[in-house]
C-alpha atoms as a PDB file:
ATOM      1  CA  MET A   1      -4.661   1.564  -7.957  1.00  0.00           C
ATOM      2  CA  PHE A   2      -1.469   1.939  -5.952  1.00  0.00           C
ATOM      3  CA  ALA A   3       1.953   1.557  -7.529  1.00  0.00           C
ATOM      4  CA  TYR A   4       5.359   2.058  -6.033  1.00  0.00           C
ATOM      5  CA  THR A   5       8.754   1.700  -7.582  1.00  0.00           C
ATOM      6  CA  ARG A   6      12.432   1.992  -6.937  1.00  0.00           C
ATOM      7  CA  ASN A   7      13.312   2.792 -10.551  1.00  0.00           C
ATOM      8  CA  PHE A   8      14.965   6.199 -10.791  1.00  0.00           C
ATOM      9  CA  VAL A   9      14.998   6.394  -6.987  1.00  0.00           C
ATOM     10  CA  SER A  10      18.024   6.801  -4.746  1.00  0.00           C
ATOM     11  CA  SER A  11      16.555   8.517  -1.705  1.00  0.00           C
ATOM     12  CA  GLY A  12      13.022   7.161  -1.492  1.00  0.00           C
ATOM     13  CA  LYS A  13      11.802  10.035  -3.665  1.00  0.00           C
ATOM     14  CA  PHE A  14      11.667  10.484  -7.417  1.00  0.00           C
ATOM     15  CA  GLY A  15      14.275  12.756  -8.933  1.00  0.00           C
ATOM     16  CA  PRO A  16      13.151  16.157 -10.249  1.00  0.00           C
ATOM     17  CA  VAL A  17      13.080  15.116 -13.928  1.00  0.00           C
ATOM     18  CA  VAL A  18      11.100  11.930 -13.226  1.00  0.00           C
ATOM     19  CA  GLU A  19       8.762  13.811 -10.902  1.00  0.00           C
ATOM     20  CA  ARG A  20       8.120  16.447 -13.563  1.00  0.00           C
ATOM     21  CA  GLU A  21       7.792  14.087 -16.546  1.00  0.00           C
ATOM     22  CA  MET A  22       6.047  11.068 -15.022  1.00  0.00           C
ATOM     23  CA  PHE A  23       2.556  10.278 -16.289  1.00  0.00           C
ATOM     24  CA  ARG A  24       0.166  10.252 -13.310  1.00  0.00           C
ATOM     25  CA  PRO A  25      -3.294   8.859 -14.033  1.00  0.00           C
ATOM     26  CA  LYS A  26      -6.005  10.324 -11.802  1.00  0.00           C
ATOM     27  CA  ASN A  27      -7.017   6.869 -10.576  1.00  0.00           C
ATOM     28  CA  MET A  28      -3.511   5.828  -9.486  1.00  0.00           C
ATOM     29  CA  VAL A  29      -1.418   6.658  -6.434  1.00  0.00           C
ATOM     30  CA  ILE A  30       2.287   6.422  -7.224  1.00  0.00           C
ATOM     31  CA  SER A  31       4.938   6.310  -4.535  1.00  0.00           C
ATOM     32  CA  ALA A  32       8.674   5.631  -4.416  1.00  0.00           C
ATOM     33  CA  SER A  33      10.674   3.270  -2.260  1.00  0.00           C
ATOM     34  CA  LYS A  34      14.459   3.341  -1.903  1.00  0.00           C
ATOM     35  CA  SER A  35      14.556  -0.405  -1.145  1.00  0.00           C
ATOM     36  CA  GLY A  36      11.899  -1.412  -3.666  1.00  0.00           C
ATOM     37  CA  LYS A  37       9.852  -2.930  -0.852  1.00  0.00           C
ATOM     38  CA  MET A  38       6.636  -1.675   0.666  1.00  0.00           C
ATOM     39  CA  GLY A  39       7.302  -0.245   4.115  1.00  0.00           C
ATOM     40  CA  LYS A  40       5.002   0.886   6.909  1.00  0.00           C
ATOM     41  CA  ALA A  41       4.663   4.379   5.445  1.00  0.00           C
ATOM     42  CA  HIS A  42       3.577   2.887   2.094  1.00  0.00           C
ATOM     43  CA  LEU A  43       1.068   0.630   3.846  1.00  0.00           C
ATOM     44  CA  ASP A  44      -0.358   3.634   5.696  1.00  0.00           C
ATOM     45  CA  GLU A  45      -0.594   5.577   2.433  1.00  0.00           C
ATOM     46  CA  TRP A  46      -2.300   2.678   0.619  1.00  0.00           C
ATOM     47  CA  VAL A  47      -4.868   2.164   3.389  1.00  0.00           C
ATOM     48  CA  GLU A  48      -5.629   5.892   3.629  1.00  0.00           C
ATOM     49  CA  LYS A  49      -5.682   6.799  -0.073  1.00  0.00           C
ATOM     50  CA  VAL A  50      -6.799   3.580  -1.778  1.00  0.00           C
ATOM     51  CA  PHE A  51      -8.332   0.927   0.477  1.00  0.00           C
ATOM     52  CA  VAL A  52     -10.562   2.952   2.818  1.00  0.00           C
ATOM     53  CA  PRO A  53     -12.085   5.202   0.115  1.00  0.00           C
ATOM     54  CA  CYS A  54     -12.791   2.259  -2.217  1.00  0.00           C
ATOM     55  CA  VAL A  55     -13.833  -0.536   0.141  1.00  0.00           C
ATOM     56  CA  GLY A  56     -17.460  -1.311   0.917  1.00  0.00           C
ATOM     57  CA  GLN A  57     -18.992  -1.642   4.384  1.00  0.00           C
ATOM     58  CA  ASP A  58     -18.430  -5.431   4.459  1.00  0.00           C
ATOM     59  CA  SER A  59     -15.150  -6.524   2.899  1.00  0.00           C
ATOM     60  CA  LEU A  60     -12.413  -9.134   2.892  1.00  0.00           C
ATOM     61  CA  LEU A  61      -8.750  -8.129   2.786  1.00  0.00           C
ATOM     62  CA  VAL A  62      -6.229 -10.872   2.004  1.00  0.00           C
ATOM     63  CA  ILE A  63      -2.637  -9.932   2.857  1.00  0.00           C
ATOM     64  CA  ASP A  64       0.660 -11.738   2.580  1.00  0.00           C
ATOM     65  CA  SER A  65       2.962 -12.479   5.501  1.00  0.00           C
ATOM     66  CA  TRP A  66       5.260  -9.450   5.158  1.00  0.00           C
ATOM     67  CA  SER A  67       6.054  -8.331   8.710  1.00  0.00           C
ATOM     68  CA  ILE A  68       4.298  -4.952   8.434  1.00  0.00           C
ATOM     69  CA  PHE A  69       1.079  -6.537   7.188  1.00  0.00           C
ATOM     70  CA  THR A  70      -0.272  -7.425  10.588  1.00  0.00           C
ATOM     71  CA  GLU A  71      -3.934  -7.386  11.484  1.00  0.00           C
ATOM     72  CA  GLU A  72      -3.147  -5.009  14.367  1.00  0.00           C
ATOM     73  CA  ASN A  73      -1.457  -2.470  12.039  1.00  0.00           C
ATOM     74  CA  LEU A  74      -4.360  -2.603   9.625  1.00  0.00           C
ATOM     75  CA  ARG A  75      -7.143  -2.532  12.243  1.00  0.00           C
ATOM     76  CA  ASN A  76      -5.721   0.702  13.663  1.00  0.00           C
ATOM     77  CA  MET A  77      -6.038   2.364  10.248  1.00  0.00           C
ATOM     78  CA  ILE A  78      -9.496   1.155   9.188  1.00  0.00           C
ATOM     79  CA  PRO A  79     -12.450   3.228  10.428  1.00  0.00           C
ATOM     80  CA  ASP A  80     -14.829   1.519  12.853  1.00  0.00           C
ATOM     81  CA  ASP A  81     -17.767   1.875  10.455  1.00  0.00           C
ATOM     82  CA  LYS A  82     -16.076  -0.517   7.979  1.00  0.00           C
ATOM     83  CA  LYS A  83     -16.458  -4.229   8.685  1.00  0.00           C
ATOM     84  CA  VAL A  84     -13.311  -5.776   7.218  1.00  0.00           C
ATOM     85  CA  ILE A  85     -12.325  -9.410   7.614  1.00  0.00           C
ATOM     86  CA  ILE A  86      -8.534  -9.693   7.404  1.00  0.00           C
ATOM     87  CA  LYS A  87      -6.942 -12.979   6.371  1.00  0.00           C
ATOM     88  CA  GLN A  88      -3.178 -13.446   6.197  1.00  0.00           C
ATOM     89  CA  ILE A  89      -1.468 -15.905   3.859  1.00  0.00           C
ATOM     90  CA  PRO A  90       0.971 -18.001   5.937  1.00  0.00           C
ATOM     91  CA  PRO A  91       4.706 -17.545   5.204  1.00  0.00           C
ATOM     92  CA  GLY A  92       6.024 -19.551   2.239  1.00  0.00           C
ATOM     93  CA  ARG A  93       2.562 -20.413   0.898  1.00  0.00           C
ATOM     94  CA  TYR A  94       2.496 -18.158  -2.158  1.00  0.00           C
ATOM     95  CA  TYR A  95       5.623 -19.186  -4.074  1.00  0.00           C
END
């Protein structure tokens, strides 16, 4: 599981108290975002730490239309030995 938050965040990083006290399950990657939105660095982290290790050889990835979620960005991060079909939800179709 991948979770990111902007709570208790002012610089894109958790403050020292939150960092020290936060519960971190072993099966969860937690990351901070100053804006509260997933950026390119978060996408890279999710693909590397969550998607690639957990996905099978033949998979389907459905993504929304956020500008960083392009097939080209994702294809460059997915190893060649993984066959992943990428489908993007058109803008405005998920409200």
